[in-house]
Amino acid sequence: MKRIYMAGAYSANNIITVLDNMRRGMRAATEVLLLGYAPFAPWFDYHFSLMLRDNEQLDINDYYEYSVAWLAVCDAVLVLPNSKHSNGTQREIEYAIGCGIPVFYSVAELQQELEP
């Protein structure tokens, strides 16, 4: 099963946009899974924060490092639409290109180039 890193906007200036970004990312990951790929979707990371105890904490860099560790072993990156203004997504694209990991901008393009 090919591993696909799902890249796209997450953070925003307000909670409604953050939730919309999470919904879009989680839905896209579900569609990719239904196609026979193994998606890694950073939008599912929220559960780590919900499981922390009072004396535990994770900061944003912990999440970035966790994501990059998965990105480094993925077979491809799928960039969600409307992510060109996301600084995190742009860093992920640059990292993938630097590692020789193919970057796709649509599911159709991914399927055409990479069999599940």
C-alpha atoms as a PDB file:
ATOM      1  CA  MET A   1       0.000   0.000   0.000  1.00  0.00           C
ATOM      2  CA  LYS A   2       1.498   3.337  -1.076  1.00  0.00           C
ATOM      3  CA  ARG A   3       1.886   5.923   1.693  1.00  0.00           C
ATOM      4  CA  ILE A   4       0.525   9.351   0.820  1.00  0.00           C
ATOM      5  CA  TYR A   5       1.268  12.430   2.908  1.00  0.00           C
ATOM      6  CA  MET A   6      -1.745  14.737   2.844  1.00  0.00           C
ATOM      7  CA  ALA A   7      -0.637  18.383   2.799  1.00  0.00           C
ATOM      8  CA  GLY A   8      -2.943  21.340   3.192  1.00  0.00           C
ATOM      9  CA  ALA A   9      -4.011  24.271   5.294  1.00  0.00           C
ATOM     10  CA  TYR A  10      -4.648  23.587   8.974  1.00  0.00           C
ATOM     11  CA  SER A  11      -4.189  26.663  11.165  1.00  0.00           C
ATOM     12  CA  ALA A  12      -6.108  29.897  10.683  1.00  0.00           C
ATOM     13  CA  ASN A  13      -7.075  33.141  12.405  1.00  0.00           C
ATOM     14  CA  ASN A  14     -10.323  31.708  13.777  1.00  0.00           C
ATOM     15  CA  ILE A  15     -11.603  28.384  15.022  1.00  0.00           C
ATOM     16  CA  ILE A  16     -14.297  28.024  12.354  1.00  0.00           C
ATOM     17  CA  THR A  17     -11.707  28.114   9.578  1.00  0.00           C
ATOM     18  CA  VAL A  18      -9.479  25.684  11.501  1.00  0.00           C
ATOM     19  CA  LEU A  19     -12.401  23.274  11.804  1.00  0.00           C
ATOM     20  CA  ASP A  20     -13.232  23.681   8.102  1.00  0.00           C
ATOM     21  CA  ASN A  21      -9.595  22.957   7.224  1.00  0.00           C
ATOM     22  CA  MET A  22      -9.682  19.853   9.431  1.00  0.00           C
ATOM     23  CA  ARG A  23     -12.914  18.654   7.851  1.00  0.00           C
ATOM     24  CA  ARG A  24     -11.574  19.095   4.319  1.00  0.00           C
ATOM     25  CA  GLY A  25      -8.294  17.373   5.166  1.00  0.00           C
ATOM     26  CA  MET A  26      -9.925  14.456   6.971  1.00  0.00           C
ATOM     27  CA  ARG A  27     -12.413  13.962   4.146  1.00  0.00           C
ATOM     28  CA  ALA A  28      -9.655  14.028   1.517  1.00  0.00           C
ATOM     29  CA  ALA A  29      -7.680  11.459   3.534  1.00  0.00           C
ATOM     30  CA  THR A  30     -10.763   9.236   3.714  1.00  0.00           C
ATOM     31  CA  GLU A  31     -11.171   9.430  -0.058  1.00  0.00           C
ATOM     32  CA  VAL A  32      -7.509   8.532  -0.560  1.00  0.00           C
ATOM     33  CA  LEU A  33      -7.886   5.548   1.775  1.00  0.00           C
ATOM     34  CA  LEU A  34     -10.957   4.394  -0.154  1.00  0.00           C
ATOM     35  CA  LEU A  35      -8.841   4.448  -3.315  1.00  0.00           C
ATOM     36  CA  GLY A  36      -6.409   1.967  -1.793  1.00  0.00           C
ATOM     37  CA  TYR A  37      -3.636   4.256  -0.529  1.00  0.00           C
ATOM     38  CA  ALA A  38      -2.416   4.716   3.069  1.00  0.00           C
ATOM     39  CA  PRO A  39      -2.833   8.419   3.870  1.00  0.00           C
ATOM     40  CA  PHE A  40      -1.051  10.279   6.655  1.00  0.00           C
ATOM     41  CA  ALA A  41      -3.268  13.236   7.560  1.00  0.00           C
ATOM     42  CA  PRO A  42      -1.992  15.814  10.093  1.00  0.00           C
ATOM     43  CA  TRP A  43      -5.590  16.909  10.767  1.00  0.00           C
ATOM     44  CA  PHE A  44      -6.041  13.791  12.884  1.00  0.00           C
ATOM     45  CA  ASP A  45      -3.289  14.975  15.276  1.00  0.00           C
ATOM     46  CA  TYR A  46      -5.817  16.773  17.460  1.00  0.00           C
ATOM     47  CA  HIS A  47      -6.323  13.557  19.429  1.00  0.00           C
ATOM     48  CA  PHE A  48      -2.846  13.854  20.948  1.00  0.00           C
ATOM     49  CA  SER A  49      -3.814  17.158  22.578  1.00  0.00           C
ATOM     50  CA  LEU A  50      -7.044  15.669  23.887  1.00  0.00           C
ATOM     51  CA  MET A  51      -5.115  12.816  25.552  1.00  0.00           C
ATOM     52  CA  LEU A  52      -2.558  14.969  27.388  1.00  0.00           C
ATOM     53  CA  ARG A  53      -2.666  14.955  31.175  1.00  0.00           C
ATOM     54  CA  ASP A  54      -2.345  18.139  33.227  1.00  0.00           C
ATOM     55  CA  ASN A  55       1.424  17.817  33.612  1.00  0.00           C
ATOM     56  CA  GLU A  56       2.093  16.955  29.951  1.00  0.00           C
ATOM     57  CA  GLN A  57       2.402  19.199  26.938  1.00  0.00           C
ATOM     58  CA  LEU A  58       3.258  19.176  23.277  1.00  0.00           C
ATOM     59  CA  ASP A  59       4.183  22.325  21.420  1.00  0.00           C
ATOM     60  CA  ILE A  60       3.825  23.145  17.756  1.00  0.00           C
ATOM     61  CA  ASN A  61       7.364  21.965  16.999  1.00  0.00           C
ATOM     62  CA  ASP A  62       6.541  18.511  18.385  1.00  0.00           C
ATOM     63  CA  TYR A  63       3.702  18.272  15.883  1.00  0.00           C
ATOM     64  CA  TYR A  64       5.880  19.568  13.024  1.00  0.00           C
ATOM     65  CA  GLU A  65       8.645  17.054  13.782  1.00  0.00           C
ATOM     66  CA  TYR A  66       6.105  14.233  14.052  1.00  0.00           C
ATOM     67  CA  SER A  67       4.620  15.134  10.669  1.00  0.00           C
ATOM     68  CA  VAL A  68       7.996  15.461   8.955  1.00  0.00           C
ATOM     69  CA  ALA A  69       9.032  12.045  10.287  1.00  0.00           C
ATOM     70  CA  TRP A  70       6.045  10.578   8.417  1.00  0.00           C
ATOM     71  CA  LEU A  71       6.543  12.762   5.369  1.00  0.00           C
ATOM     72  CA  ALA A  72      10.117  11.473   5.034  1.00  0.00           C
ATOM     73  CA  VAL A  73       8.898   7.889   4.522  1.00  0.00           C
ATOM     74  CA  CYS A  74       5.916   8.576   2.274  1.00  0.00           C
ATOM     75  CA  ASP A  75       5.789   7.570  -1.373  1.00  0.00           C
ATOM     76  CA  ALA A  76       4.132  10.825  -2.438  1.00  0.00           C
ATOM     77  CA  VAL A  77       2.560  14.054  -1.228  1.00  0.00           C
ATOM     78  CA  LEU A  78      -0.953  15.086  -2.176  1.00  0.00           C
ATOM     79  CA  VAL A  79      -1.538  18.831  -1.815  1.00  0.00           C
ATOM     80  CA  LEU A  80      -5.114  19.868  -1.147  1.00  0.00           C
ATOM     81  CA  PRO A  81      -6.696  22.716  -3.127  1.00  0.00           C
ATOM     82  CA  ASN A  82      -6.494  26.229  -1.696  1.00  0.00           C
ATOM     83  CA  SER A  83      -3.253  25.522   0.174  1.00  0.00           C
ATOM     84  CA  LYS A  84      -0.959  27.949  -1.613  1.00  0.00           C
ATOM     85  CA  HIS A  85      -1.198  30.466   1.266  1.00  0.00           C
ATOM     86  CA  SER A  86      -0.352  27.873   3.920  1.00  0.00           C
ATOM     87  CA  ASN A  87       3.228  28.361   5.097  1.00  0.00           C
ATOM     88  CA  GLY A  88       3.315  24.871   6.606  1.00  0.00           C
ATOM     89  CA  THR A  89       2.141  23.297   3.368  1.00  0.00           C
ATOM     90  CA  GLN A  90       4.749  25.196   1.378  1.00  0.00           C
ATOM     91  CA  ARG A  91       7.476  23.943   3.752  1.00  0.00           C
ATOM     92  CA  GLU A  92       6.188  20.381   3.351  1.00  0.00           C
ATOM     93  CA  ILE A  93       6.284  20.707  -0.445  1.00  0.00           C
ATOM     94  CA  GLU A  94       9.842  22.040  -0.339  1.00  0.00           C
ATOM     95  CA  TYR A  95      10.903  19.229   1.991  1.00  0.00           C
ATOM     96  CA  ALA A  96       9.333  16.583  -0.245  1.00  0.00           C
ATOM     97  CA  ILE A  97      10.970  17.985  -3.377  1.00  0.00           C
ATOM     98  CA  GLY A  98      14.313  18.091  -1.574  1.00  0.00           C
ATOM     99  CA  CYS A  99      13.917  14.406  -0.670  1.00  0.00           C
ATOM    100  CA  GLY A 100      12.838  13.410  -4.173  1.00  0.00           C
ATOM    101  CA  ILE A 101       9.292  12.590  -3.054  1.00  0.00           C
ATOM    102  CA  PRO A 102       6.771  13.283  -5.844  1.00  0.00           C
ATOM    103  CA  VAL A 103       4.212  16.010  -5.167  1.00  0.00           C
ATOM    104  CA  PHE A 104       0.723  15.860  -6.685  1.00  0.00           C
ATOM    105  CA  TYR A 105      -1.991  18.493  -6.730  1.00  0.00           C
ATOM    106  CA  SER A 106      -5.007  16.316  -7.511  1.00  0.00           C
ATOM    107  CA  VAL A 107      -6.210  12.795  -6.837  1.00  0.00           C
ATOM    108  CA  ALA A 108      -6.468  12.206 -10.591  1.00  0.00           C
ATOM    109  CA  GLU A 109      -2.815  13.179 -11.054  1.00  0.00           C
ATOM    110  CA  LEU A 110      -1.818  10.938  -8.125  1.00  0.00           C
ATOM    111  CA  GLN A 111      -3.718   7.960  -9.563  1.00  0.00           C
ATOM    112  CA  GLN A 112      -2.283   8.507 -13.027  1.00  0.00           C
ATOM    113  CA  GLU A 113       1.297   8.462 -11.769  1.00  0.00           C
ATOM    114  CA  LEU A 114       1.151   6.175  -8.732  1.00  0.00           C
ATOM    115  CA  GLU A 115      -0.734   2.905  -8.532  1.00  0.00           C
ATOM    116  CA  PRO A 116      -2.213   2.104  -5.092  1.00  0.00           C
END
